[in-house]
């Protein structure tokens, strides 16, 4: 009988150790999940902010592309205003004033 009591006592000691380890593991998993969820939310906010910046930059890029398309007209207008003309271009001057 003495051996049965000692086996039972050592089993009780192991049960408590296992329970404590399981509780510690459960707490670790819980806090890690909360931490990961927090990081995920931060990444989602950053993603939304970057999407907004991308949209803004796309609008700016469209404006720049439009300026590039009309750059030749702009340069020609500026050159004509400074007295430069393309050979063979018809120039009309206002002689009324």
N, C-alpha and C. Protein backbone atom coordinates (compact mmCIF):
# COMPACT_ATOMS: atom_id res chain seq x y z
N UNK A 1 0.79 -1.19 0.00
CA UNK A 1 0.00 0.00 0.00
C UNK A 1 0.84 1.27 0.00
N UNK A 2 1.99 1.19 0.59
CA UNK A 2 2.84 2.37 0.68
C UNK A 2 3.26 2.84 -0.70
N UNK A 3 3.47 1.92 -1.58
CA UNK A 3 3.88 2.30 -2.92
C UNK A 3 2.74 2.96 -3.69
N UNK A 4 1.51 2.56 -3.42
CA UNK A 4 0.38 3.19 -4.09
C UNK A 4 0.21 4.63 -3.65
N UNK A 5 0.40 4.92 -2.36
CA UNK A 5 0.28 6.29 -1.88
C UNK A 5 1.35 7.18 -2.48
N UNK A 6 2.56 6.67 -2.58
CA UNK A 6 3.63 7.49 -3.14
C UNK A 6 3.39 7.74 -4.63
N UNK A 7 2.85 6.78 -5.34
CA UNK A 7 2.53 6.96 -6.76
C UNK A 7 1.41 7.97 -6.91
N UNK A 8 0.43 7.89 -6.03
CA UNK A 8 -0.68 8.83 -6.08
C UNK A 8 -0.22 10.23 -5.74
N UNK A 9 0.66 10.37 -4.78
CA UNK A 9 1.18 11.68 -4.39
C UNK A 9 2.01 12.29 -5.51
N UNK A 10 2.81 11.49 -6.17
CA UNK A 10 3.63 12.02 -7.25
C UNK A 10 2.76 12.38 -8.46
N UNK A 11 1.67 11.68 -8.68
CA UNK A 11 0.74 11.99 -9.75
C UNK A 11 0.05 13.32 -9.47
N UNK A 12 -0.34 13.56 -8.22
CA UNK A 12 -0.96 14.83 -7.85
C UNK A 12 0.01 15.98 -8.09
N UNK A 13 1.25 15.82 -7.77
CA UNK A 13 2.26 16.84 -7.99
C UNK A 13 2.45 17.13 -9.47
N UNK A 14 2.44 16.09 -10.27
CA UNK A 14 2.56 16.26 -11.72
C UNK A 14 1.33 16.96 -12.29
N UNK A 15 0.16 16.62 -11.79
CA UNK A 15 -1.07 17.26 -12.27
C UNK A 15 -1.01 18.77 -12.07
N UNK A 16 -0.56 19.21 -10.93
CA UNK A 16 -0.47 20.65 -10.66
C UNK A 16 0.54 21.32 -11.58
N UNK A 17 1.64 20.67 -11.80
CA UNK A 17 2.66 21.23 -12.69
C UNK A 17 2.10 21.33 -14.11
N UNK A 18 1.44 20.27 -14.54
CA UNK A 18 0.86 20.28 -15.89
C UNK A 18 -0.22 21.35 -16.00
N UNK A 19 -1.06 21.49 -14.99
CA UNK A 19 -2.11 22.52 -15.01
C UNK A 19 -1.49 23.92 -15.06
N UNK A 20 -0.46 24.15 -14.28
CA UNK A 20 0.20 25.46 -14.29
C UNK A 20 0.82 25.73 -15.66
N UNK A 21 1.46 24.72 -16.22
CA UNK A 21 2.04 24.89 -17.55
C UNK A 21 0.98 25.16 -18.61
N UNK A 22 -0.14 24.47 -18.53
CA UNK A 22 -1.23 24.69 -19.50
C UNK A 22 -1.83 26.08 -19.35
N UNK A 23 -1.99 26.54 -18.10
CA UNK A 23 -2.51 27.89 -17.88
C UNK A 23 -1.52 28.92 -18.41
N UNK A 24 -0.22 28.71 -18.15
CA UNK A 24 0.79 29.64 -18.67
C UNK A 24 0.79 29.64 -20.19
N UNK A 25 0.66 28.47 -20.80
CA UNK A 25 0.61 28.39 -22.26
C UNK A 25 -0.63 29.10 -22.81
N UNK A 26 -1.76 28.89 -22.16
CA UNK A 26 -3.00 29.55 -22.60
C UNK A 26 -2.87 31.07 -22.49
N UNK A 27 -2.30 31.56 -21.41
CA UNK A 27 -2.10 33.00 -21.25
C UNK A 27 -1.15 33.55 -22.31
N UNK A 28 -0.08 32.80 -22.57
CA UNK A 28 0.87 33.23 -23.60
C UNK A 28 0.18 33.33 -24.96
N UNK A 29 -0.59 32.32 -25.30
CA UNK A 29 -1.30 32.32 -26.59
C UNK A 29 -2.30 33.47 -26.65
N UNK A 30 -3.01 33.72 -25.57
CA UNK A 30 -3.98 34.81 -25.54
C UNK A 30 -3.30 36.15 -25.76
N UNK A 31 -2.24 36.44 -25.01
CA UNK A 31 -1.56 37.73 -25.14
C UNK A 31 -0.87 37.87 -26.48
N UNK A 32 -0.36 36.79 -27.02
CA UNK A 32 0.25 36.84 -28.34
C UNK A 32 -0.81 37.13 -29.41
N UNK A 33 -1.99 36.55 -29.27
CA UNK A 33 -3.08 36.80 -30.22
C UNK A 33 -3.51 38.27 -30.15
N UNK A 34 -3.59 38.82 -28.94
CA UNK A 34 -3.96 40.23 -28.80
C UNK A 34 -2.90 41.11 -29.44
N UNK A 35 -1.64 40.78 -29.22
CA UNK A 35 -0.55 41.56 -29.81
C UNK A 35 -0.59 41.49 -31.33
N UNK A 36 -0.80 40.31 -31.88
CA UNK A 36 -0.86 40.17 -33.33
C UNK A 36 -2.07 40.89 -33.93
N UNK A 37 -3.19 40.86 -33.21
CA UNK A 37 -4.38 41.57 -33.68
C UNK A 37 -4.10 43.08 -33.71
N UNK A 38 -3.42 43.57 -32.70
CA UNK A 38 -3.07 44.99 -32.65
C UNK A 38 -2.16 45.36 -33.81
N UNK A 39 -1.17 44.53 -34.09
CA UNK A 39 -0.28 44.78 -35.21
C UNK A 39 -1.03 44.74 -36.54
N UNK A 40 -1.98 43.82 -36.65
CA UNK A 40 -2.77 43.71 -37.86
C UNK A 40 -3.59 44.98 -38.08
N UNK A 41 -4.18 45.51 -37.04
CA UNK A 41 -4.95 46.75 -37.16
C UNK A 41 -4.06 47.91 -37.58
N UNK A 42 -2.86 47.97 -37.03
CA UNK A 42 -1.92 49.03 -37.42
C UNK A 42 -1.56 48.90 -38.89
N UNK A 43 -1.35 47.69 -39.35
CA UNK A 43 -1.02 47.47 -40.77
C UNK A 43 -2.19 47.84 -41.67
N UNK A 44 -3.40 47.56 -41.22
CA UNK A 44 -4.58 47.93 -42.01
C UNK A 44 -4.71 49.44 -42.11
N UNK A 45 -4.45 50.15 -41.02
CA UNK A 45 -4.50 51.61 -41.06
C UNK A 45 -3.42 52.16 -41.98
N UNK A 46 -2.23 51.58 -41.91
CA UNK A 46 -1.14 52.02 -42.77
C UNK A 46 -1.49 51.75 -44.23
N UNK A 47 -2.12 50.61 -44.49
CA UNK A 47 -2.52 50.26 -45.85
C UNK A 47 -3.54 51.26 -46.39
N UNK A 48 -4.49 51.64 -45.57
CA UNK A 48 -5.50 52.62 -46.00
C UNK A 48 -4.84 53.98 -46.26
N UNK A 49 -3.89 54.35 -45.42
CA UNK A 49 -3.19 55.62 -45.61
C UNK A 49 -2.37 55.60 -46.91
N UNK A 50 -1.72 54.48 -47.18
CA UNK A 50 -0.94 54.37 -48.41
C UNK A 50 -1.84 54.37 -49.64
N UNK A 51 -3.00 53.74 -49.54
CA UNK A 51 -3.96 53.78 -50.66
C UNK A 51 -4.37 55.22 -50.96
N UNK A 52 -4.60 56.00 -49.91
CA UNK A 52 -4.96 57.39 -50.08
C UNK A 52 -3.83 58.17 -50.75
N UNK A 53 -2.60 57.92 -50.31
CA UNK A 53 -1.46 58.60 -50.92
C UNK A 53 -1.28 58.19 -52.38
N UNK A 54 -1.54 56.93 -52.67
CA UNK A 54 -1.43 56.45 -54.05
C UNK A 54 -2.44 57.16 -54.94
N UNK A 55 -3.68 57.28 -54.44
CA UNK A 55 -4.71 57.97 -55.22
C UNK A 55 -4.32 59.42 -55.48
N UNK A 56 -3.80 60.09 -54.46
CA UNK A 56 -3.36 61.48 -54.60
C UNK A 56 -2.25 61.58 -55.63
N UNK A 57 -1.28 60.69 -55.56
CA UNK A 57 -0.16 60.71 -56.49
C UNK A 57 -0.63 60.41 -57.91
N UNK A 58 -1.62 59.54 -58.07
CA UNK A 58 -2.14 59.25 -59.41
C UNK A 58 -2.77 60.49 -60.03
N UNK A 59 -3.48 61.28 -59.22
CA UNK A 59 -4.07 62.52 -59.73
C UNK A 59 -2.97 63.49 -60.15
N UNK A 60 -1.93 63.59 -59.32
CA UNK A 60 -0.81 64.46 -59.66
C UNK A 60 -0.14 63.98 -60.95
N UNK A 61 0.05 62.68 -61.08
CA UNK A 61 0.67 62.12 -62.28
C UNK A 61 -0.16 62.40 -63.53
N UNK A 62 -1.48 62.32 -63.41
CA UNK A 62 -2.35 62.63 -64.55
C UNK A 62 -2.17 64.08 -64.97
N UNK A 63 -2.08 64.97 -63.98
CA UNK A 63 -1.85 66.38 -64.30
C UNK A 63 -0.52 66.60 -64.99
N UNK A 64 0.51 65.92 -64.52
CA UNK A 64 1.83 66.05 -65.15
C UNK A 64 1.83 65.47 -66.56
N UNK A 65 1.13 64.36 -66.75
CA UNK A 65 1.04 63.76 -68.09
C UNK A 65 0.33 64.70 -69.04
N UNK A 66 -0.69 65.39 -68.56
CA UNK A 66 -1.41 66.37 -69.38
C UNK A 66 -0.48 67.52 -69.75
N UNK A 67 0.33 67.97 -68.80
CA UNK A 67 1.28 69.05 -69.09
C UNK A 67 2.31 68.60 -70.13
N UNK A 68 2.76 67.36 -70.04
CA UNK A 68 3.73 66.86 -71.00
C UNK A 68 3.11 66.80 -72.39
N UNK A 69 1.84 66.39 -72.47
CA UNK A 69 1.17 66.31 -73.77
C UNK A 69 1.05 67.69 -74.40
N UNK A 70 0.86 68.71 -73.60
CA UNK A 70 0.66 70.07 -74.12
C UNK A 70 1.92 70.92 -73.99
N UNK A 71 3.04 70.32 -73.70
CA UNK A 71 4.28 71.06 -73.52
C UNK A 71 4.71 71.76 -74.81
N UNK A 72 4.53 71.09 -75.94
CA UNK A 72 4.95 71.68 -77.22
C UNK A 72 4.14 72.93 -77.51
N UNK A 73 2.83 72.89 -77.29
CA UNK A 73 1.99 74.07 -77.51
C UNK A 73 2.40 75.21 -76.58
N UNK A 74 2.68 74.87 -75.34
CA UNK A 74 3.09 75.89 -74.36
C UNK A 74 4.41 76.54 -74.77
N UNK A 75 5.39 75.70 -75.17
CA UNK A 75 6.68 76.24 -75.58
C UNK A 75 6.57 77.10 -76.84
N UNK A 76 5.73 76.67 -77.76
CA UNK A 76 5.54 77.45 -78.98
C UNK A 76 4.90 78.80 -78.66
N UNK A 77 3.93 78.80 -77.76
CA UNK A 77 3.28 80.04 -77.37
C UNK A 77 4.27 81.00 -76.71
N UNK A 78 5.11 80.46 -75.80
CA UNK A 78 6.11 81.29 -75.12
C UNK A 78 7.14 81.83 -76.12
N UNK A 79 7.55 80.96 -77.05
CA UNK A 79 8.54 81.39 -78.06
C UNK A 79 7.96 82.49 -78.94
N UNK A 80 6.71 82.32 -79.36
CA UNK A 80 6.06 83.34 -80.17
C UNK A 80 5.95 84.65 -79.40
N UNK A 81 5.67 84.58 -78.14
CA UNK A 81 5.59 85.79 -77.32
C UNK A 81 6.91 86.51 -77.21
N UNK A 82 8.01 85.79 -77.35
CA UNK A 82 9.34 86.38 -77.27
C UNK A 82 9.90 86.72 -78.66
N UNK A 83 9.08 86.54 -79.68
CA UNK A 83 9.50 86.92 -81.03
C UNK A 83 10.12 85.80 -81.83
N UNK A 84 10.06 84.60 -81.39
CA UNK A 84 10.61 83.46 -82.13
C UNK A 84 9.48 82.74 -82.86
N UNK A 85 9.75 82.42 -84.13
CA UNK A 85 8.72 81.75 -84.92
C UNK A 85 9.35 80.59 -85.68
N UNK A 86 8.53 79.64 -86.05
CA UNK A 86 8.96 78.50 -86.85
C UNK A 86 9.04 78.97 -88.30
N UNK A 87 10.08 78.57 -89.04
CA UNK A 87 10.15 78.97 -90.44
C UNK A 87 8.90 78.54 -91.19
N UNK A 88 8.36 79.48 -91.95
CA UNK A 88 7.17 79.20 -92.73
C UNK A 88 5.87 79.43 -91.96
N UNK A 89 5.97 79.81 -90.70
CA UNK A 89 4.77 80.04 -89.89
C UNK A 89 4.18 81.40 -90.25
N UNK A 90 2.88 81.46 -90.40
CA UNK A 90 2.22 82.73 -90.70
C UNK A 90 2.06 83.50 -89.41
N UNK A 91 2.48 84.76 -89.44
CA UNK A 91 2.42 85.61 -88.28
C UNK A 91 1.51 86.78 -88.58
N UNK A 92 0.55 86.98 -87.74
CA UNK A 92 -0.37 88.10 -87.92
C UNK A 92 -0.08 89.12 -86.82
N UNK A 93 0.10 90.37 -87.23
CA UNK A 93 0.35 91.42 -86.25
C UNK A 93 -0.80 92.40 -86.26
N UNK A 94 -1.09 92.92 -85.11
CA UNK A 94 -2.16 93.90 -84.98
C UNK A 94 -1.58 95.27 -85.30
N UNK A 95 -2.00 95.84 -86.42
CA UNK A 95 -1.49 97.15 -86.82
C UNK A 95 -2.45 98.27 -86.46
N UNK A 96 -3.52 97.92 -85.82
CA UNK A 96 -4.50 98.94 -85.45
C UNK A 96 -4.01 99.79 -84.29
N UNK A 97 -3.21 99.23 -83.41
CA UNK A 97 -2.86 99.96 -82.20
C UNK A 97 -1.46 100.30 -82.12
